[in-house]
């Protein structure tokens, strides 16, 4: 996993932002990389606000992890590939 990684739920998604809900109060970094495991979409984002376990994040860039990715998303693609493979039926 990416250092400091946490699973969360995307509560709301718009063109420019995400509202995320973590399992615990969020006291993490202002810069985030969010990976949607099912679709292979990834977003670099900046936390704009937090209220306990919820965080509002402004999307700064996005990437489809299903194809070639820029170096800024290489680690996210690696993590996504491992998570996707572990979720496949054996």
Protein backbone atom coordinates (compact mmCIF):
# COMPACT_ATOMS: atom_id res chain seq x y z
CA UNK A 1 0.00 0.00 0.00
CA UNK A 2 0.97 3.61 -0.35
CA UNK A 3 2.44 4.91 2.94
CA UNK A 4 -0.31 6.52 4.98
CA UNK A 5 -3.05 4.85 2.95
CA UNK A 6 -6.57 4.43 4.30
CA UNK A 7 -9.72 2.96 2.86
CA UNK A 8 -12.61 5.38 2.52
CA UNK A 9 -15.99 5.76 0.86
CA UNK A 10 -16.68 8.34 -1.83
CA UNK A 11 -19.88 9.92 -0.53
CA UNK A 12 -20.24 12.48 -3.31
CA UNK A 13 -18.36 13.15 -6.55
CA UNK A 14 -18.55 16.18 -8.82
CA UNK A 15 -16.43 17.29 -11.75
CA UNK A 16 -14.04 19.18 -9.46
CA UNK A 17 -14.31 17.55 -6.08
CA UNK A 18 -14.95 14.59 -3.83
CA UNK A 19 -16.51 14.19 -0.43
CA UNK A 20 -14.86 11.26 1.34
CA UNK A 21 -15.78 9.39 4.51
CA UNK A 22 -13.05 7.57 6.41
CA UNK A 23 -13.55 4.92 9.09
CA UNK A 24 -11.96 7.19 11.69
CA UNK A 25 -11.46 10.92 12.09
CA UNK A 26 -9.21 12.19 9.33
CA UNK A 27 -6.02 13.83 10.47
CA UNK A 28 -3.93 12.98 7.45
CA UNK A 29 -2.17 14.87 4.73
CA UNK A 30 -3.57 17.75 2.73
CA UNK A 31 -2.50 16.05 -0.53
CA UNK A 32 -4.43 12.89 -1.41
CA UNK A 33 -4.48 10.23 -4.11
CA UNK A 34 -7.87 8.55 -4.31
CA UNK A 35 -8.16 5.23 -6.17
CA UNK A 36 -11.57 3.90 -7.21
CA UNK A 37 -10.78 0.19 -7.14
CA UNK A 38 -13.76 -1.02 -9.21
CA UNK A 39 -13.26 1.38 -12.14
CA UNK A 40 -9.51 1.99 -12.06
CA UNK A 41 -9.92 5.75 -11.86
CA UNK A 42 -7.49 7.74 -9.74
CA UNK A 43 -7.56 11.33 -8.59
CA UNK A 44 -4.88 13.55 -7.13
CA UNK A 45 -6.62 15.94 -4.78
CA UNK A 46 -6.08 18.52 -2.11
CA UNK A 47 -8.06 18.36 1.14
CA UNK A 48 -10.01 21.61 1.52
CA UNK A 49 -11.87 20.86 4.72
CA UNK A 50 -12.42 18.08 7.22
CA UNK A 51 -15.14 17.45 9.74
CA UNK A 52 -14.33 14.38 11.81
CA UNK A 53 -14.25 11.43 9.43
CA UNK A 54 -15.41 13.42 6.37
CA UNK A 55 -13.11 15.31 4.03
CA UNK A 56 -13.85 17.61 1.11
CA UNK A 57 -11.17 17.36 -1.56
CA UNK A 58 -10.52 19.46 -4.66
CA UNK A 59 -9.45 17.31 -7.62
CA UNK A 60 -6.18 18.58 -9.09
CA UNK A 61 -5.67 15.83 -11.71
CA UNK A 62 -7.14 12.51 -12.76
CA UNK A 63 -5.94 9.34 -14.44
CA UNK A 64 -7.39 6.13 -15.86
CA UNK A 65 -5.22 3.38 -14.37
CA UNK A 66 -6.34 0.88 -17.02
CA UNK A 67 -3.82 2.17 -19.54
CA UNK A 68 -0.49 3.95 -19.60
CA UNK A 69 -0.09 6.34 -16.69
CA UNK A 70 2.13 9.35 -16.03
CA UNK A 71 4.85 8.87 -13.43
CA UNK A 72 2.81 10.80 -10.85
CA UNK A 73 0.26 7.95 -10.85
CA UNK A 74 2.69 5.01 -11.23
CA UNK A 75 2.52 4.01 -7.56
CA UNK A 76 -1.27 4.34 -7.57
CA UNK A 77 -1.45 1.99 -10.58
CA UNK A 78 0.76 -0.54 -8.81
CA UNK A 79 -1.43 -0.45 -5.68
CA UNK A 80 -4.61 -0.67 -7.75
CA UNK A 81 -3.28 -3.68 -9.69
CA UNK A 82 -2.50 -5.52 -6.43
CA UNK A 83 -5.88 -4.68 -4.87
CA UNK A 84 -7.76 -5.65 -8.02
CA UNK A 85 -5.90 -8.99 -8.26
CA UNK A 86 -6.56 -9.82 -4.61
CA UNK A 87 -10.29 -9.16 -5.10
CA UNK A 88 -10.59 -11.65 -7.98
CA UNK A 89 -12.24 -15.02 -7.17
CA UNK A 90 -9.69 -17.76 -6.69
